PDB file of all heavy atoms in Angstrom:
ATOM      1  N   GLY A   1       0.776  -1.202   0.012  1.00  0.00           N
ATOM      2  CA  GLY A   1       0.030   0.007   0.004  1.00  0.00           C
ATOM      3  C   GLY A   1       0.829   1.234   0.019  1.00  0.00           C
ATOM      4  O   GLY A   1       0.304   2.298  -0.284  1.00  0.00           O
ATOM      5  N   ASP A   2       2.161   1.171   0.311  1.00  0.00           N
ATOM      6  CA  ASP A   2       2.969   2.376   0.281  1.00  0.00           C
ATOM      7  C   ASP A   2       3.307   2.732  -1.121  1.00  0.00           C
ATOM      8  O   ASP A   2       3.324   1.875  -2.015  1.00  0.00           O
ATOM      9  CB  ASP A   2       4.258   2.061   1.046  1.00  0.00           C
ATOM     10  CG  ASP A   2       4.130   1.992   2.580  1.00  0.00           C
ATOM     11  OD1 ASP A   2       3.020   2.380   3.085  1.00  0.00           O
ATOM     12  OD2 ASP A   2       5.030   1.533   3.279  1.00  0.00           O
ATOM     13  N   PRO A   3       3.585   3.986  -1.381  1.00  0.00           N
ATOM     14  CA  PRO A   3       4.069   4.379  -2.691  1.00  0.00           C
ATOM     15  C   PRO A   3       5.285   3.570  -3.110  1.00  0.00           C
ATOM     16  O   PRO A   3       6.210   3.351  -2.370  1.00  0.00           O
ATOM     17  CB  PRO A   3       4.375   5.882  -2.617  1.00  0.00           C
ATOM     18  CG  PRO A   3       3.590   6.330  -1.423  1.00  0.00           C
ATOM     19  CD  PRO A   3       3.537   5.119  -0.487  1.00  0.00           C
ATOM     20  N   ALA A   4       5.294   3.184  -4.427  1.00  0.00           N
ATOM     21  CA  ALA A   4       6.417   2.377  -4.940  1.00  0.00           C
ATOM     22  C   ALA A   4       7.490   3.278  -5.415  1.00  0.00           C
ATOM     23  O   ALA A   4       7.711   3.466  -6.572  1.00  0.00           O
ATOM     24  CB  ALA A   4       5.940   1.464  -6.050  1.00  0.00           C
ATOM     25  N   ASP A   5       8.211   3.926  -4.426  1.00  0.00           N
ATOM     26  CA  ASP A   5       9.373   4.747  -4.659  1.00  0.00           C
ATOM     27  C   ASP A   5      10.569   4.042  -4.066  1.00  0.00           C
ATOM     28  O   ASP A   5      10.729   3.908  -2.874  1.00  0.00           O
ATOM     29  CB  ASP A   5       9.187   6.122  -4.011  1.00  0.00           C
ATOM     30  CG  ASP A   5       8.034   6.913  -4.545  1.00  0.00           C
ATOM     31  OD1 ASP A   5       7.432   6.482  -5.559  1.00  0.00           O
ATOM     32  OD2 ASP A   5       7.711   7.945  -3.974  1.00  0.00           O
ATOM     33  N   LEU A   6      11.448   3.487  -4.939  1.00  0.00           N
ATOM     34  CA  LEU A   6      12.564   2.686  -4.465  1.00  0.00           C
ATOM     35  C   LEU A   6      13.877   3.029  -5.186  1.00  0.00           C
ATOM     36  O   LEU A   6      13.864   3.554  -6.313  1.00  0.00           O
ATOM     37  CB  LEU A   6      12.214   1.172  -4.711  1.00  0.00           C
ATOM     38  CG  LEU A   6      10.943   0.639  -4.208  1.00  0.00           C
ATOM     39  CD1 LEU A   6       9.910   0.576  -5.342  1.00  0.00           C
ATOM     40  CD2 LEU A   6      11.088  -0.778  -3.644  1.00  0.00           C
ATOM     41  N   VAL A   7      14.895   2.662  -4.546  1.00  0.00           N
ATOM     42  CA  VAL A   7      16.236   2.827  -5.077  1.00  0.00           C
ATOM     43  C   VAL A   7      16.976   1.529  -4.921  1.00  0.00           C
ATOM     44  O   VAL A   7      16.900   0.831  -3.882  1.00  0.00           O
ATOM     45  CB  VAL A   7      17.087   3.932  -4.297  1.00  0.00           C
ATOM     46  CG1 VAL A   7      18.510   3.988  -4.748  1.00  0.00           C
ATOM     47  CG2 VAL A   7      16.408   5.265  -4.461  1.00  0.00           C
ATOM     48  N   VAL A   8      17.710   1.072  -5.997  1.00  0.00           N
ATOM     49  CA  VAL A   8      18.466  -0.158  -5.979  1.00  0.00           C
ATOM     50  C   VAL A   8      19.929   0.198  -6.073  1.00  0.00           C
ATOM     51  O   VAL A   8      20.391   0.917  -7.005  1.00  0.00           O
ATOM     52  CB  VAL A   8      18.006  -1.041  -7.147  1.00  0.00           C
ATOM     53  CG1 VAL A   8      18.921  -2.312  -7.206  1.00  0.00           C
ATOM     54  CG2 VAL A   8      16.595  -1.405  -7.096  1.00  0.00           C
ATOM     55  N   ILE A   9      20.703  -0.286  -5.099  1.00  0.00           N
ATOM     56  CA  ILE A   9      22.161  -0.019  -5.026  1.00  0.00           C
ATOM     57  C   ILE A   9      22.907  -1.326  -5.314  1.00  0.00           C
ATOM     58  O   ILE A   9      22.555  -2.358  -4.703  1.00  0.00           O
ATOM     59  CB  ILE A   9      22.562   0.574  -3.693  1.00  0.00           C
ATOM     60  CG1 ILE A   9      21.988   1.975  -3.540  1.00  0.00           C
ATOM     61  CG2 ILE A   9      24.063   0.617  -3.478  1.00  0.00           C
ATOM     62  CD1 ILE A   9      22.255   2.707  -2.275  1.00  0.00           C
ATOM     63  N   ASP A  10      23.881  -1.298  -6.152  1.00  0.00           N
ATOM     64  CA  ASP A  10      24.661  -2.428  -6.556  1.00  0.00           C
ATOM     65  C   ASP A  10      25.746  -2.747  -5.478  1.00  0.00           C
ATOM     66  O   ASP A  10      26.705  -1.960  -5.335  1.00  0.00           O
ATOM     67  CB  ASP A  10      25.326  -2.213  -7.891  1.00  0.00           C
ATOM     68  CG  ASP A  10      26.005  -3.425  -8.479  1.00  0.00           C
ATOM     69  OD1 ASP A  10      26.063  -4.458  -7.712  1.00  0.00           O
ATOM     70  OD2 ASP A  10      26.464  -3.419  -9.634  1.00  0.00           O
ATOM     71  N   LEU A  11      25.532  -3.797  -4.718  1.00  0.00           N
ATOM     72  CA  LEU A  11      26.506  -4.182  -3.673  1.00  0.00           C
ATOM     73  C   LEU A  11      27.604  -5.064  -4.138  1.00  0.00           C
ATOM     74  O   LEU A  11      28.478  -5.476  -3.361  1.00  0.00           O
ATOM     75  CB  LEU A  11      25.721  -4.965  -2.555  1.00  0.00           C
ATOM     76  CG  LEU A  11      24.681  -4.194  -1.812  1.00  0.00           C
ATOM     77  CD1 LEU A  11      23.983  -5.103  -0.805  1.00  0.00           C
ATOM     78  CD2 LEU A  11      25.233  -2.956  -1.087  1.00  0.00           C
ATOM     79  N   ARG A  12      27.698  -5.364  -5.425  1.00  0.00           N
ATOM     80  CA  ARG A  12      28.700  -6.273  -5.974  1.00  0.00           C
ATOM     81  C   ARG A  12      30.010  -5.563  -6.247  1.00  0.00           C
ATOM     82  O   ARG A  12      30.976  -6.163  -6.740  1.00  0.00           O
ATOM     83  CB  ARG A  12      28.199  -6.941  -7.244  1.00  0.00           C
ATOM     84  CG  ARG A  12      26.912  -7.740  -7.040  1.00  0.00           C
ATOM     85  CD  ARG A  12      26.319  -8.149  -8.341  1.00  0.00           C
ATOM     86  NE  ARG A  12      25.925  -7.024  -9.171  1.00  0.00           N
ATOM     87  CZ  ARG A  12      25.547  -7.126 -10.412  1.00  0.00           C
ATOM     88  NH1 ARG A  12      25.442  -8.306 -10.994  1.00  0.00           N
ATOM     89  NH2 ARG A  12      25.203  -5.964 -11.124  1.00  0.00           N
ATOM     90  N   ARG A  13      30.100  -4.277  -5.946  1.00  0.00           N
ATOM     91  CA  ARG A  13      31.323  -3.574  -6.229  1.00  0.00           C
ATOM     92  C   ARG A  13      32.378  -3.721  -5.089  1.00  0.00           C
ATOM     93  O   ARG A  13      31.961  -4.028  -3.910  1.00  0.00           O
ATOM     94  CB  ARG A  13      30.969  -2.042  -6.402  1.00  0.00           C
ATOM     95  CG  ARG A  13      29.931  -1.874  -7.516  1.00  0.00           C
ATOM     96  CD  ARG A  13      29.575  -0.440  -7.797  1.00  0.00           C
ATOM     97  NE  ARG A  13      28.587  -0.378  -8.945  1.00  0.00           N
ATOM     98  CZ  ARG A  13      28.270   0.705  -9.476  1.00  0.00           C
ATOM     99  NH1 ARG A  13      28.803   1.847  -9.114  1.00  0.00           N
ATOM    100  NH2 ARG A  13      27.367   0.624 -10.507  1.00  0.00           N
ATOM    101  N   PRO A  14      33.647  -3.605  -5.419  1.00  0.00           N
ATOM    102  CA  PRO A  14      34.665  -3.945  -4.414  1.00  0.00           C
ATOM    103  C   PRO A  14      34.492  -3.104  -3.147  1.00  0.00           C
ATOM    104  O   PRO A  14      34.744  -3.637  -2.077  1.00  0.00           O
ATOM    105  CB  PRO A  14      35.995  -3.566  -5.149  1.00  0.00           C
ATOM    106  CG  PRO A  14      35.673  -3.821  -6.600  1.00  0.00           C
ATOM    107  CD  PRO A  14      34.221  -3.342  -6.754  1.00  0.00           C
ATOM    108  N   HIS A  15      34.173  -1.818  -3.231  1.00  0.00           N
ATOM    109  CA  HIS A  15      34.115  -0.992  -2.012  1.00  0.00           C
ATOM    110  C   HIS A  15      32.889  -1.332  -1.253  1.00  0.00           C
ATOM    111  O   HIS A  15      32.733  -0.791  -0.079  1.00  0.00           O
ATOM    112  CB  HIS A  15      34.172   0.458  -2.370  1.00  0.00           C
ATOM    113  CG  HIS A  15      33.048   1.010  -3.189  1.00  0.00           C
ATOM    114  ND1 HIS A  15      32.951   0.699  -4.533  1.00  0.00           N
ATOM    115  CD2 HIS A  15      31.968   1.701  -2.861  1.00  0.00           C
ATOM    116  CE1 HIS A  15      31.889   1.308  -5.005  1.00  0.00           C
ATOM    117  NE2 HIS A  15      31.232   1.898  -4.043  1.00  0.00           N
ATOM    118  N   LEU A  16      31.959  -2.158  -1.692  1.00  0.00           N
ATOM    119  CA  LEU A  16      30.795  -2.566  -0.929  1.00  0.00           C
ATOM    120  C   LEU A  16      30.873  -4.058  -0.603  1.00  0.00           C
ATOM    121  O   LEU A  16      29.809  -4.649  -0.253  1.00  0.00           O
ATOM    122  CB  LEU A  16      29.528  -2.282  -1.756  1.00  0.00           C
ATOM    123  CG  LEU A  16      29.315  -0.736  -2.050  1.00  0.00           C
ATOM    124  CD1 LEU A  16      28.072  -0.539  -2.866  1.00  0.00           C
ATOM    125  CD2 LEU A  16      29.260   0.084  -0.776  1.00  0.00           C
ATOM    126  N   THR A  17      32.041  -4.701  -0.714  1.00  0.00           N
ATOM    127  CA  THR A  17      32.221  -6.108  -0.424  1.00  0.00           C
ATOM    128  C   THR A  17      33.190  -6.254   0.739  1.00  0.00           C
ATOM    129  O   THR A  17      34.209  -5.574   0.744  1.00  0.00           O
ATOM    130  CB  THR A  17      32.831  -6.789  -1.705  1.00  0.00           C
ATOM    131  OG1 THR A  17      31.947  -6.588  -2.824  1.00  0.00           O
ATOM    132  CG2 THR A  17      33.010  -8.255  -1.444  1.00  0.00           C
ATOM    133  N   PRO A  18      32.922  -7.077   1.711  1.00  0.00           N
ATOM    134  CA  PRO A  18      31.630  -7.857   1.919  1.00  0.00           C
ATOM    135  C   PRO A  18      30.542  -6.968   2.456  1.00  0.00           C
ATOM    136  O   PRO A  18      30.880  -5.987   3.187  1.00  0.00           O
ATOM    137  CB  PRO A  18      32.036  -8.955   2.904  1.00  0.00           C
ATOM    138  CG  PRO A  18      33.110  -8.290   3.713  1.00  0.00           C
ATOM    139  CD  PRO A  18      33.900  -7.382   2.827  1.00  0.00           C
ATOM    140  N   ALA A  19      29.297  -7.298   2.225  1.00  0.00           N
ATOM    141  CA  ALA A  19      28.171  -6.526   2.733  1.00  0.00           C
ATOM    142  C   ALA A  19      27.464  -7.341   3.811  1.00  0.00           C
ATOM    143  O   ALA A  19      26.301  -7.639   3.709  1.00  0.00           O
ATOM    144  CB  ALA A  19      27.217  -6.170   1.584  1.00  0.00           C
ATOM    145  N   GLY A  20      28.234  -7.748   4.842  1.00  0.00           N
ATOM    146  CA  GLY A  20      27.655  -8.532   5.915  1.00  0.00           C
ATOM    147  C   GLY A  20      26.536  -7.787   6.609  1.00  0.00           C
ATOM    148  O   GLY A  20      25.508  -8.385   7.006  1.00  0.00           O
ATOM    149  N   ASP A  21      26.699  -6.488   6.772  1.00  0.00           N
ATOM    150  CA  ASP A  21      25.609  -5.672   7.288  1.00  0.00           C
ATOM    151  C   ASP A  21      25.233  -4.682   6.132  1.00  0.00           C
ATOM    152  O   ASP A  21      25.875  -3.696   5.960  1.00  0.00           O
ATOM    153  CB  ASP A  21      26.095  -4.865   8.491  1.00  0.00           C
ATOM    154  CG  ASP A  21      25.001  -3.907   9.073  1.00  0.00           C
ATOM    155  OD1 ASP A  21      23.956  -3.743   8.437  1.00  0.00           O
ATOM    156  OD2 ASP A  21      25.205  -3.358  10.136  1.00  0.00           O
ATOM    157  N   PRO A  22      24.188  -5.008   5.366  1.00  0.00           N
ATOM    158  CA  PRO A  22      23.887  -4.173   4.192  1.00  0.00           C
ATOM    159  C   PRO A  22      23.572  -2.704   4.565  1.00  0.00           C
ATOM    160  O   PRO A  22      24.024  -1.820   3.806  1.00  0.00           O
ATOM    161  CB  PRO A  22      22.685  -4.876   3.587  1.00  0.00           C
ATOM    162  CG  PRO A  22      22.765  -6.314   4.141  1.00  0.00           C
ATOM    163  CD  PRO A  22      23.322  -6.184   5.485  1.00  0.00           C
ATOM    164  N   LEU A  23      22.922  -2.462   5.665  1.00  0.00           N
ATOM    165  CA  LEU A  23      22.564  -1.120   6.011  1.00  0.00           C
ATOM    166  C   LEU A  23      23.843  -0.362   6.340  1.00  0.00           C
ATOM    167  O   LEU A  23      24.067   0.794   5.778  1.00  0.00           O
ATOM    168  CB  LEU A  23      21.602  -1.047   7.149  1.00  0.00           C
ATOM    169  CG  LEU A  23      21.300   0.312   7.752  1.00  0.00           C
ATOM    170  CD1 LEU A  23      20.776   1.206   6.661  1.00  0.00           C
ATOM    171  CD2 LEU A  23      20.306   0.219   8.921  1.00  0.00           C
ATOM    172  N   GLY A  24      24.706  -0.888   7.201  1.00  0.00           N
ATOM    173  CA  GLY A  24      25.941  -0.187   7.547  1.00  0.00           C
ATOM    174  C   GLY A  24      26.870  -0.045   6.317  1.00  0.00           C
ATOM    175  O   GLY A  24      27.489   1.001   6.184  1.00  0.00           O
ATOM    176  N   THR A  25      26.847  -0.992   5.465  1.00  0.00           N
ATOM    177  CA  THR A  25      27.726  -0.929   4.247  1.00  0.00           C
ATOM    178  C   THR A  25      27.237   0.260   3.334  1.00  0.00           C
ATOM    179  O   THR A  25      28.042   1.003   2.850  1.00  0.00           O
ATOM    180  CB  THR A  25      27.716  -2.233   3.548  1.00  0.00           C
ATOM    181  OG1 THR A  25      28.172  -3.301   4.438  1.00  0.00           O
ATOM    182  CG2 THR A  25      28.609  -2.218   2.301  1.00  0.00           C
ATOM    183  N   VAL A  26      25.908   0.303   3.134  1.00  0.00           N
ATOM    184  CA  VAL A  26      25.434   1.384   2.258  1.00  0.00           C
ATOM    185  C   VAL A  26      25.726   2.746   2.840  1.00  0.00           C
ATOM    186  O   VAL A  26      26.266   3.647   2.152  1.00  0.00           O
ATOM    187  CB  VAL A  26      23.905   1.208   2.035  1.00  0.00           C
ATOM    188  CG1 VAL A  26      23.335   2.473   1.399  1.00  0.00           C
ATOM    189  CG2 VAL A  26      23.705  -0.020   1.140  1.00  0.00           C
ATOM    190  N   VAL A  27      25.404   2.950   4.116  1.00  0.00           N
ATOM    191  CA  VAL A  27      25.522   4.216   4.767  1.00  0.00           C
ATOM    192  C   VAL A  27      26.996   4.662   4.822  1.00  0.00           C
ATOM    193  O   VAL A  27      27.354   5.793   4.548  1.00  0.00           O
ATOM    194  CB  VAL A  27      24.826   4.274   6.116  1.00  0.00           C
ATOM    195  CG1 VAL A  27      25.179   5.569   6.869  1.00  0.00           C
ATOM    196  CG2 VAL A  27      23.369   4.142   5.999  1.00  0.00           C
ATOM    197  N   HIS A  28      27.920   3.752   5.194  1.00  0.00           N
ATOM    198  CA  HIS A  28      29.281   4.165   5.484  1.00  0.00           C
ATOM    199  C   HIS A  28      30.171   4.069   4.231  1.00  0.00           C
ATOM    200  O   HIS A  28      31.196   4.709   4.193  1.00  0.00           O
ATOM    201  CB  HIS A  28      29.887   3.294   6.593  1.00  0.00           C
ATOM    202  CG  HIS A  28      29.371   3.709   7.914  1.00  0.00           C
ATOM    203  ND1 HIS A  28      29.557   4.901   8.509  1.00  0.00           N
ATOM    204  CD2 HIS A  28      28.619   3.005   8.828  1.00  0.00           C
ATOM    205  CE1 HIS A  28      29.030   4.984   9.662  1.00  0.00           C
ATOM    206  NE2 HIS A  28      28.433   3.805   9.944  1.00  0.00           N
ATOM    207  N   CYS A  29      29.793   3.279   3.248  1.00  0.00           N
ATOM    208  CA  CYS A  29      30.754   2.941   2.133  1.00  0.00           C
ATOM    209  C   CYS A  29      30.227   3.269   0.762  1.00  0.00           C
ATOM    210  O   CYS A  29      31.047   3.343  -0.157  1.00  0.00           O
ATOM    211  CB  CYS A  29      31.157   1.499   2.209  1.00  0.00           C
ATOM    212  SG  CYS A  29      31.840   0.948   3.770  1.00  0.00           S
ATOM    213  N   ALA A  30      28.906   3.382   0.558  1.00  0.00           N
ATOM    214  CA  ALA A  30      28.356   3.536  -0.763  1.00  0.00           C
ATOM    215  C   ALA A  30      28.391   5.041  -1.217  1.00  0.00           C
ATOM    216  O   ALA A  30      28.725   5.944  -0.393  1.00  0.00           O
ATOM    217  CB  ALA A  30      26.959   3.078  -0.860  1.00  0.00           C
ATOM    218  N   HIS A  31      28.098   5.256  -2.481  1.00  0.00           N
ATOM    219  CA  HIS A  31      28.079   6.584  -3.032  1.00  0.00           C
ATOM    220  C   HIS A  31      26.881   6.622  -3.977  1.00  0.00           C
ATOM    221  O   HIS A  31      26.289   5.613  -4.360  1.00  0.00           O
ATOM    222  CB  HIS A  31      29.298   6.886  -3.935  1.00  0.00           C
ATOM    223  CG  HIS A  31      30.550   6.829  -3.174  1.00  0.00           C
ATOM    224  ND1 HIS A  31      31.088   7.827  -2.365  1.00  0.00           N
ATOM    225  CD2 HIS A  31      31.508   5.781  -3.035  1.00  0.00           C
ATOM    226  CE1 HIS A  31      32.239   7.454  -1.850  1.00  0.00           C
ATOM    227  NE2 HIS A  31      32.512   6.162  -2.231  1.00  0.00           N
ATOM    228  N   GLY A  32      26.420   7.857  -4.324  1.00  0.00           N
ATOM    229  CA  GLY A  32      25.266   7.965  -5.217  1.00  0.00           C
ATOM    230  C   GLY A  32      25.502   7.264  -6.549  1.00  0.00           C
ATOM    231  O   GLY A  32      24.571   6.798  -7.140  1.00  0.00           O
ATOM    232  N   ARG A  33      26.779   7.248  -6.986  1.00  0.00           N
ATOM    233  CA  ARG A  33      27.025   6.579  -8.298  1.00  0.00           C
ATOM    234  C   ARG A  33      26.845   5.074  -8.235  1.00  0.00           C
ATOM    235  O   ARG A  33      26.924   4.439  -9.299  1.00  0.00           O
ATOM    236  CB  ARG A  33      28.391   6.987  -8.748  1.00  0.00           C
ATOM    237  CG  ARG A  33      29.561   6.498  -7.850  1.00  0.00           C
ATOM    238  CD  ARG A  33      30.902   6.911  -8.468  1.00  0.00           C
ATOM    239  NE  ARG A  33      32.022   6.561  -7.598  1.00  0.00           N
ATOM    240  CZ  ARG A  33      32.481   7.334  -6.656  1.00  0.00           C
ATOM    241  NH1 ARG A  33      31.906   8.518  -6.438  1.00  0.00           N
ATOM    242  NH2 ARG A  33      33.516   6.961  -5.952  1.00  0.00           N
ATOM    243  N   ASP A  34      26.643   4.547  -7.021  1.00  0.00           N
ATOM    244  CA  ASP A  34      26.397   3.076  -6.962  1.00  0.00           C
ATOM    245  C   ASP A  34      24.922   2.719  -7.203  1.00  0.00           C
ATOM    246  O   ASP A  34      24.498   1.588  -7.172  1.00  0.00           O
ATOM    247  CB  ASP A  34      26.797   2.534  -5.605  1.00  0.00           C
ATOM    248  CG  ASP A  34      28.289   2.710  -5.312  1.00  0.00           C
ATOM    249  OD1 ASP A  34      29.077   2.492  -6.289  1.00  0.00           O
ATOM    250  OD2 ASP A  34      28.701   3.012  -4.218  1.00  0.00           O
ATOM    251  N   VAL A  35      24.080   3.773  -7.356  1.00  0.00           N
ATOM    252  CA  VAL A  35      22.644   3.592  -7.636  1.00  0.00           C
ATOM    253  C   VAL A  35      22.501   2.964  -9.048  1.00  0.00           C
ATOM    254  O   VAL A  35      22.997   3.504 -10.037  1.00  0.00           O
ATOM    255  CB  VAL A  35      21.864   4.880  -7.572  1.00  0.00           C
ATOM    256  CG1 VAL A  35      20.471   4.720  -8.143  1.00  0.00           C
ATOM    257  CG2 VAL A  35      21.820   5.359  -6.108  1.00  0.00           C
ATOM    258  N   GLU A  36      21.820   1.849  -9.179  1.00  0.00           N
ATOM    259  CA  GLU A  36      21.614   1.133 -10.385  1.00  0.00           C
ATOM    260  C   GLU A  36      20.260   1.392 -11.030  1.00  0.00           C
ATOM    261  O   GLU A  36      20.126   1.650 -12.220  1.00  0.00           O
ATOM    262  CB  GLU A  36      21.796  -0.372 -10.159  1.00  0.00           C
ATOM    263  CG  GLU A  36      21.728  -1.215 -11.435  1.00  0.00           C
ATOM    264  CD  GLU A  36      21.982  -2.683 -11.175  1.00  0.00           C
ATOM    265  OE1 GLU A  36      21.796  -3.165 -10.057  1.00  0.00           O
ATOM    266  OE2 GLU A  36      22.392  -3.396 -12.136  1.00  0.00           O
ATOM    267  N   HIS A  37      19.199   1.342 -10.179  1.00  0.00           N
ATOM    268  CA  HIS A  37      17.804   1.548 -10.638  1.00  0.00           C
ATOM    269  C   HIS A  37      17.139   2.512  -9.727  1.00  0.00           C
ATOM    270  O   HIS A  37      17.361   2.506  -8.463  1.00  0.00           O
ATOM    271  CB  HIS A  37      17.012   0.256 -10.712  1.00  0.00           C
ATOM    272  CG  HIS A  37      17.657  -0.834 -11.469  1.00  0.00           C
ATOM    273  ND1 HIS A  37      18.066  -0.754 -12.759  1.00  0.00           N
ATOM    274  CD2 HIS A  37      17.919  -2.088 -11.058  1.00  0.00           C
ATOM    275  CE1 HIS A  37      18.535  -1.913 -13.188  1.00  0.00           C
ATOM    276  NE2 HIS A  37      18.562  -2.707 -12.161  1.00  0.00           N
ATOM    277  N   VAL A  38      16.217   3.347 -10.231  1.00  0.00           N
ATOM    278  CA  VAL A  38      15.331   4.196  -9.428  1.00  0.00           C
ATOM    279  C   VAL A  38      13.883   4.018  -9.985  1.00  0.00           C
ATOM    280  O   VAL A  38      13.689   4.066 -11.181  1.00  0.00           O
ATOM    281  CB  VAL A  38      15.743   5.683  -9.568  1.00  0.00           C
ATOM    282  CG1 VAL A  38      14.823   6.533  -8.739  1.00  0.00           C
ATOM    283  CG2 VAL A  38      17.210   5.835  -9.022  1.00  0.00           C
ATOM    284  N   ILE A  39      12.957   3.843  -9.039  1.00  0.00           N
ATOM    285  CA  ILE A  39      11.586   3.602  -9.360  1.00  0.00           C
ATOM    286  C   ILE A  39      10.753   4.693  -8.610  1.00  0.00           C
ATOM    287  O   ILE A  39      10.952   4.877  -7.392  1.00  0.00           O
ATOM    288  CB  ILE A  39      11.140   2.212  -8.978  1.00  0.00           C
ATOM    289  CG1 ILE A  39      11.914   1.177  -9.740  1.00  0.00           C
ATOM    290  CG2 ILE A  39       9.646   2.048  -9.188  1.00  0.00           C
ATOM    291  CD1 ILE A  39      11.760  -0.241  -9.146  1.00  0.00           C
ATOM    292  N   VAL A  40       9.892   5.368  -9.329  1.00  0.00           N
ATOM    293  CA  VAL A  40       9.018   6.398  -8.753  1.00  0.00           C
ATOM    294  C   VAL A  40       7.566   6.024  -9.165  1.00  0.00           C
ATOM    295  O   VAL A  40       7.287   5.974 -10.371  1.00  0.00           O
ATOM    296  CB  VAL A  40       9.381   7.784  -9.169  1.00  0.00           C
ATOM    297  CG1 VAL A  40       8.360   8.816  -8.610  1.00  0.00           C
ATOM    298  CG2 VAL A  40      10.800   8.128  -8.725  1.00  0.00           C
ATOM    299  N   ALA A  41       6.700   5.892  -8.181  1.00  0.00           N
ATOM    300  CA  ALA A  41       5.305   5.568  -8.439  1.00  0.00           C
ATOM    301  C   ALA A  41       5.181   4.344  -9.356  1.00  0.00           C
ATOM    302  O   ALA A  41       4.336   4.268 -10.217  1.00  0.00           O
ATOM    303  CB  ALA A  41       4.529   6.781  -9.052  1.00  0.00           C
ATOM    304  N   GLY A  42       6.094   3.370  -9.149  1.00  0.00           N
ATOM    305  CA  GLY A  42       6.068   2.151  -9.873  1.00  0.00           C
ATOM    306  C   GLY A  42       6.726   2.169 -11.247  1.00  0.00           C
ATOM    307  O   GLY A  42       6.829   1.165 -11.983  1.00  0.00           O
ATOM    308  N   ARG A  43       7.204   3.356 -11.670  1.00  0.00           N
ATOM    309  CA  ARG A  43       7.799   3.569 -12.964  1.00  0.00           C
ATOM    310  C   ARG A  43       9.355   3.539 -12.860  1.00  0.00           C
ATOM    311  O   ARG A  43       9.966   4.206 -12.000  1.00  0.00           O
ATOM    312  CB  ARG A  43       7.383   4.873 -13.569  1.00  0.00           C
ATOM    313  CG  ARG A  43       7.900   5.202 -14.962  1.00  0.00           C
ATOM    314  CD  ARG A  43       7.554   6.627 -15.312  1.00  0.00           C
ATOM    315  NE  ARG A  43       7.907   6.970 -16.657  1.00  0.00           N
ATOM    316  CZ  ARG A  43       7.963   8.172 -17.180  1.00  0.00           C
ATOM    317  NH1 ARG A  43       7.582   9.182 -16.349  1.00  0.00           N
ATOM    318  NH2 ARG A  43       8.332   8.449 -18.395  1.00  0.00           N
TER     319      ARG A  43
END
């Protein structure tokens, strides 16, 4: 029921490996350029 606004981040990159804690890895190690897909209102 929530709006389908999502971001997909590629964790397969060296600076995001290993991603044992995905949340901590994204926040501390990822960058905006690691965004692979963006979905807004299902599009």
